[in-house]
C-alpha atoms as a PDB file:
ATOM      1  CA  MET A   1    -224.884   5.374 -30.446  1.00  0.00           C
ATOM      2  CA  ARG A   2    -222.181   3.151 -32.224  1.00  0.00           C
ATOM      3  CA  LYS A   3    -220.765   6.398 -33.942  1.00  0.00           C
ATOM      4  CA  THR A   4    -220.449   8.035 -30.735  1.00  0.00           C
ATOM      5  CA  SER A   5    -218.636   5.217 -28.565  1.00  0.00           C
ATOM      6  CA  ALA A   6    -216.177   4.753 -31.508  1.00  0.00           C
ATOM      7  CA  LEU A   7    -215.664   8.445 -31.241  1.00  0.00           C
ATOM      8  CA  ALA A   8    -215.211   8.490 -27.687  1.00  0.00           C
ATOM      9  CA  GLY A   9    -212.718   5.645 -28.064  1.00  0.00           C
ATOM     10  CA  LEU A  10    -210.729   7.162 -30.892  1.00  0.00           C
ATOM     11  CA  THR A  11    -210.775  10.382 -28.930  1.00  0.00           C
ATOM     12  CA  ILE A  12    -209.573   8.651 -25.822  1.00  0.00           C
ATOM     13  CA  PHE A  13    -206.955   7.058 -28.038  1.00  0.00           C
ATOM     14  CA  VAL A  14    -205.593  10.557 -29.218  1.00  0.00           C
ATOM     15  CA  LEU A  15    -205.463  11.790 -25.916  1.00  0.00           C
ATOM     16  CA  ALA A  16    -203.895   8.995 -24.430  1.00  0.00           C
ATOM     17  CA  PHE A  17    -201.171   9.118 -27.175  1.00  0.00           C
ATOM     18  CA  PHE A  18    -200.476  12.802 -26.353  1.00  0.00           C
ATOM     19  CA  ALA A  19    -200.348  12.221 -22.374  1.00  0.00           C
ATOM     20  CA  VAL A  20    -197.733   9.517 -23.369  1.00  0.00           C
ATOM     21  CA  ALA A  21    -195.463  11.669 -25.712  1.00  0.00           C
ATOM     22  CA  ALA A  22    -195.635  14.716 -22.741  1.00  0.00           C
ATOM     23  CA  GLU A  23    -194.996  11.782 -20.657  1.00  0.00           C
ATOM     24  CA  ALA A  24    -191.758  10.500 -22.537  1.00  0.00           C
ATOM     25  CA  GLN A  25    -190.657  14.442 -22.698  1.00  0.00           C
ATOM     26  CA  ASN A  26    -191.210  15.003 -18.904  1.00  0.00           C
ATOM     27  CA  ALA A  27    -188.548  11.740 -18.380  1.00  0.00           C
ATOM     28  CA  ALA A  28    -185.618  14.215 -18.734  1.00  0.00           C
ATOM     29  CA  ALA A  29    -187.564  17.298 -17.584  1.00  0.00           C
ATOM     30  CA  PRO A  30    -186.745  19.073 -14.427  1.00  0.00           C
ATOM     31  CA  PRO A  31    -189.400  18.942 -11.322  1.00  0.00           C
ATOM     32  CA  ARG A  32    -190.737  22.202 -12.433  1.00  0.00           C
ATOM     33  CA  GLN A  33    -190.804  21.986 -15.953  1.00  0.00           C
ATOM     34  CA  LYS A  34    -192.818  18.414 -15.382  1.00  0.00           C
ATOM     35  CA  LEU A  35    -195.044  19.849 -13.293  1.00  0.00           C
ATOM     36  CA  ARG A  36    -195.982  22.540 -16.154  1.00  0.00           C
ATOM     37  CA  GLN A  37    -195.920  19.686 -18.895  1.00  0.00           C
ATOM     38  CA  ASN A  38    -198.120  17.880 -16.917  1.00  0.00           C
ATOM     39  CA  LEU A  39    -200.690  20.501 -15.774  1.00  0.00           C
ATOM     40  CA  ALA A  40    -200.803  21.799 -19.759  1.00  0.00           C
ATOM     41  CA  THR A  41    -201.254  17.902 -20.727  1.00  0.00           C
ATOM     42  CA  LEU A  42    -204.469  18.028 -17.928  1.00  0.00           C
ATOM     43  CA  ARG A  43    -205.644  21.366 -19.501  1.00  0.00           C
ATOM     44  CA  LEU A  44    -205.703  19.363 -22.809  1.00  0.00           C
ATOM     45  CA  LEU A  45    -207.682  16.697 -21.535  1.00  0.00           C
ATOM     46  CA  ARG A  46    -209.918  18.642 -19.555  1.00  0.00           C
ATOM     47  CA  LEU A  47    -210.598  21.373 -22.814  1.00  0.00           C
ATOM     48  CA  THR A  48    -211.366  17.987 -25.000  1.00  0.00           C
ATOM     49  CA  GLN A  49    -214.065  17.386 -22.653  1.00  0.00           C
ATOM     50  CA  ALA A  50    -215.497  20.451 -21.663  1.00  0.00           C
ATOM     51  CA  LEU A  51    -216.255  21.420 -25.476  1.00  0.00           C
ATOM     52  CA  ASP A  52    -216.990  18.035 -26.675  1.00  0.00           C
ATOM     53  CA  LEU A  53    -214.235  18.453 -29.502  1.00  0.00           C
ATOM     54  CA  THR A  54    -214.306  16.430 -32.452  1.00  0.00           C
ATOM     55  CA  GLU A  55    -211.438  14.103 -33.764  1.00  0.00           C
ATOM     56  CA  ASP A  56    -210.888  16.415 -36.278  1.00  0.00           C
ATOM     57  CA  GLN A  57    -210.754  19.245 -34.218  1.00  0.00           C
ATOM     58  CA  ALA A  58    -208.942  17.604 -31.689  1.00  0.00           C
ATOM     59  CA  ALA A  59    -206.299  16.769 -34.490  1.00  0.00           C
ATOM     60  CA  ARG A  60    -205.892  20.547 -35.579  1.00  0.00           C
ATOM     61  CA  ILE A  61    -206.218  22.266 -32.130  1.00  0.00           C
ATOM     62  CA  PHE A  62    -203.957  20.228 -29.857  1.00  0.00           C
ATOM     63  CA  PRO A  63    -200.441  20.944 -32.117  1.00  0.00           C
ATOM     64  CA  THR A  64    -201.050  24.152 -31.782  1.00  0.00           C
ATOM     65  CA  VAL A  65    -201.937  24.477 -28.365  1.00  0.00           C
ATOM     66  CA  ASN A  66    -198.653  22.226 -27.550  1.00  0.00           C
ATOM     67  CA  LYS A  67    -196.733  24.384 -29.794  1.00  0.00           C
ATOM     68  CA  LEU A  68    -197.848  27.444 -27.738  1.00  0.00           C
ATOM     69  CA  GLU A  69    -197.755  26.224 -24.175  1.00  0.00           C
ATOM     70  CA  LYS A  70    -194.358  24.937 -24.876  1.00  0.00           C
ATOM     71  CA  GLU A  71    -193.354  28.929 -26.127  1.00  0.00           C
ATOM     72  CA  LYS A  72    -194.934  30.446 -23.030  1.00  0.00           C
ATOM     73  CA  ALA A  73    -193.198  27.817 -20.937  1.00  0.00           C
ATOM     74  CA  ASP A  74    -189.578  28.753 -22.377  1.00  0.00           C
ATOM     75  CA  LEU A  75    -190.513  32.464 -21.733  1.00  0.00           C
ATOM     76  CA  GLN A  76    -191.577  31.795 -18.206  1.00  0.00           C
ATOM     77  CA  ILE A  77    -188.536  29.964 -17.411  1.00  0.00           C
ATOM     78  CA  ALA A  78    -186.024  32.469 -18.820  1.00  0.00           C
ATOM     79  CA  MET A  79    -188.455  34.653 -17.249  1.00  0.00           C
ATOM     80  CA  SER A  80    -188.121  32.941 -13.967  1.00  0.00           C
ATOM     81  CA  ALA A  81    -184.143  33.444 -14.531  1.00  0.00           C
ATOM     82  CA  ASP A  82    -184.283  37.440 -14.676  1.00  0.00           C
ATOM     83  CA  ILE A  83    -186.660  37.913 -11.692  1.00  0.00           C
ATOM     84  CA  ARG A  84    -184.094  35.637  -9.554  1.00  0.00           C
ATOM     85  CA  ASP A  85    -181.150  37.945 -11.279  1.00  0.00           C
ATOM     86  CA  LEU A  86    -183.442  41.034 -10.067  1.00  0.00           C
ATOM     87  CA  ARG A  87    -184.315  40.022  -6.705  1.00  0.00           C
ATOM     88  CA  ARG A  88    -180.600  38.971  -6.667  1.00  0.00           C
ATOM     89  CA  PHE A  89    -179.561  42.988  -7.686  1.00  0.00           C
ATOM     90  CA  LEU A  90    -182.193  44.583  -4.955  1.00  0.00           C
ATOM     91  CA  ALA A  91    -180.081  42.505  -2.376  1.00  0.00           C
ATOM     92  CA  GLU A  92    -177.000  43.897  -3.110  1.00  0.00           C
ATOM     93  CA  SER A  93    -175.876  46.985  -1.679  1.00  0.00           C
ATOM     94  CA  PRO A  94    -174.360  49.031  -4.405  1.00  0.00           C
ATOM     95  CA  THR A  95    -177.096  48.141  -7.268  1.00  0.00           C
ATOM     96  CA  LYS A  96    -176.685  49.386 -10.862  1.00  0.00           C
ATOM     97  CA  ASP A  97    -179.416  51.036 -11.865  1.00  0.00           C
ATOM     98  CA  GLU A  98    -178.437  49.961 -15.601  1.00  0.00           C
ATOM     99  CA  ASP A  99    -178.722  46.419 -14.634  1.00  0.00           C
ATOM    100  CA  ILE A 100    -182.236  46.794 -12.864  1.00  0.00           C
ATOM    101  CA  ALA A 101    -183.562  48.501 -15.624  1.00  0.00           C
ATOM    102  CA  THR A 102    -182.319  45.880 -18.346  1.00  0.00           C
ATOM    103  CA  LYS A 103    -183.603  42.918 -15.996  1.00  0.00           C
ATOM    104  CA  VAL A 104    -187.051  44.845 -15.530  1.00  0.00           C
ATOM    105  CA  ARG A 105    -187.839  45.591 -19.273  1.00  0.00           C
ATOM    106  CA  LYS A 106    -186.335  41.555 -20.054  1.00  0.00           C
ATOM    107  CA  ILE A 107    -189.342  40.704 -17.638  1.00  0.00           C
ATOM    108  CA  LYS A 108    -192.138  43.227 -19.395  1.00  0.00           C
ATOM    109  CA  ASP A 109    -191.075  42.227 -22.672  1.00  0.00           C
ATOM    110  CA  ALA A 110    -191.535  38.529 -21.825  1.00  0.00           C
ATOM    111  CA  GLN A 111    -194.803  39.153 -20.065  1.00  0.00           C
ATOM    112  CA  GLN A 112    -195.957  40.892 -23.406  1.00  0.00           C
ATOM    113  CA  ILE A 113    -194.935  38.163 -25.455  1.00  0.00           C
ATOM    114  CA  VAL A 114    -196.939  35.889 -22.866  1.00  0.00           C
ATOM    115  CA  LYS A 115    -199.970  38.007 -23.454  1.00  0.00           C
ATOM    116  CA  GLN A 116    -199.276  37.720 -27.458  1.00  0.00           C
ATOM    117  CA  LYS A 117    -199.239  33.925 -27.046  1.00  0.00           C
ATOM    118  CA  ASP A 118    -202.585  34.289 -25.286  1.00  0.00           C
ATOM    119  CA  ALA A 119    -204.025  36.444 -28.097  1.00  0.00           C
ATOM    120  CA  GLU A 120    -202.942  33.966 -30.319  1.00  0.00           C
ATOM    121  CA  LEU A 121    -204.534  31.069 -29.054  1.00  0.00           C
ATOM    122  CA  ASP A 122    -207.695  32.922 -28.550  1.00  0.00           C
ATOM    123  CA  ALA A 123    -208.075  33.678 -32.127  1.00  0.00           C
ATOM    124  CA  PHE A 124    -206.869  30.514 -33.459  1.00  0.00           C
ATOM    125  CA  LEU A 125    -209.521  28.786 -31.281  1.00  0.00           C
ATOM    126  CA  GLU A 126    -212.105  31.533 -32.243  1.00  0.00           C
ATOM    127  CA  ASP A 127    -211.442  30.121 -36.001  1.00  0.00           C
ATOM    128  CA  HIS A 128    -211.787  26.442 -35.340  1.00  0.00           C
ATOM    129  CA  LEU A 129    -214.462  26.114 -32.648  1.00  0.00           C
ATOM    130  CA  THR A 130    -218.757  26.809 -33.120  1.00  0.00           C
ATOM    131  CA  THR A 131    -220.426  28.726 -31.205  1.00  0.00           C
ATOM    132  CA  VAL A 132    -221.175  26.611 -28.176  1.00  0.00           C
ATOM    133  CA  GLN A 133    -217.803  25.728 -27.807  1.00  0.00           C
ATOM    134  CA  LYS A 134    -216.555  29.323 -27.705  1.00  0.00           C
ATOM    135  CA  ALA A 135    -218.845  29.866 -24.674  1.00  0.00           C
ATOM    136  CA  LYS A 136    -217.939  26.471 -23.546  1.00  0.00           C
ATOM    137  CA  TYR A 137    -214.092  27.830 -23.882  1.00  0.00           C
ATOM    138  CA  VAL A 138    -214.612  30.818 -21.813  1.00  0.00           C
ATOM    139  CA  ILE A 139    -216.380  29.130 -19.030  1.00  0.00           C
ATOM    140  CA  PHE A 140    -214.013  26.480 -18.965  1.00  0.00           C
ATOM    141  CA  GLU A 141    -210.610  28.744 -18.840  1.00  0.00           C
ATOM    142  CA  ILE A 142    -212.445  30.674 -15.491  1.00  0.00           C
ATOM    143  CA  GLU A 143    -213.526  26.942 -13.434  1.00  0.00           C
ATOM    144  CA  PHE A 144    -210.193  25.441 -14.899  1.00  0.00           C
ATOM    145  CA  TYR A 145    -207.820  28.139 -13.087  1.00  0.00           C
ATOM    146  CA  ARG A 146    -210.245  28.719 -10.162  1.00  0.00           C
ATOM    147  CA  LEU A 147    -210.004  24.933  -9.466  1.00  0.00           C
ATOM    148  CA  LEU A 148    -206.451  25.064  -9.847  1.00  0.00           C
ATOM    149  CA  GLU A 149    -206.084  27.964  -7.241  1.00  0.00           C
ATOM    150  CA  GLN A 150    -208.510  25.984  -4.940  1.00  0.00           C
ATOM    151  CA  THR A 151    -206.394  22.954  -5.333  1.00  0.00           C
ATOM    152  CA  LEU A 152    -203.071  24.809  -4.589  1.00  0.00           C
ATOM    153  CA  GLN A 153    -204.839  26.753  -1.321  1.00  0.00           C
ATOM    154  CA  GLY A 154    -205.892  23.462  -0.644  1.00  0.00           C
ATOM    155  CA  MET A 155    -202.202  21.644  -0.686  1.00  0.00           C
ATOM    156  CA  ARG A 156    -200.913  24.984   1.020  1.00  0.00           C
ATOM    157  CA  GLY A 157    -203.355  24.391   3.802  1.00  0.00           C
ATOM    158  CA  MET A 158    -202.265  20.230   4.021  1.00  0.00           C
ATOM    159  CA  ARG A 159    -198.902  21.437   4.261  1.00  0.00           C
ATOM    160  CA  GLY A 160    -199.234  23.908   7.058  1.00  0.00           C
ATOM    161  CA  ASN A 161    -201.557  21.227   9.129  1.00  0.00           C
ATOM    162  CA  ALA A 162    -199.313  18.552   8.648  1.00  0.00           C
ATOM    163  CA  PRO A 163    -198.437  16.206  11.256  1.00  0.00           C
ATOM    164  CA  PRO A 164    -195.496  16.729  13.055  1.00  0.00           C
ATOM    165  CA  ALA A 165    -192.516  14.710  12.274  1.00  0.00           C
ATOM    166  CA  PRO A 166    -192.152  11.290  14.423  1.00  0.00           C
ATOM    167  CA  ILE A 167    -189.043  11.894  16.797  1.00  0.00           C
ATOM    168  CA  LYS A 168    -186.032  10.113  15.713  1.00  0.00           C
ATOM    169  CA  LYS A 169    -184.504   8.384  18.615  1.00  0.00           C
END
């Protein structure tokens, strides 16, 4: 019992350390990037709980997960800019096909790299998790993203059903 509470306390300390480190990075980040970082931190916290990671596993897994998630976030930021450019190209009257083709290729390449990063993470976790934890990870992934989707839908619904703004005199 004492070993379990000590491990739980140490795990909370490690998680708090990573949360504080993530928040320090967030201080200078734009709002959308800050949201991504907070979501990644939340995912790590939930992952630790769902998989019941040991201290050693957390110490090995967190740096790799953080690195891969940062690389994916950087790719997604660049991809967002390319998508904005593509939309602008499509809205322009005389559109240059080569410009469009270049942006489409660039977006598809970034999507492929993101998939590779996900596969790299899966392979890494495959090497560092027990069989039971691997099964829990499969379920965690499905449930985490389902919960995230439901939360976003709920927020959109609240925004759509918000009371009207007060009338200013």
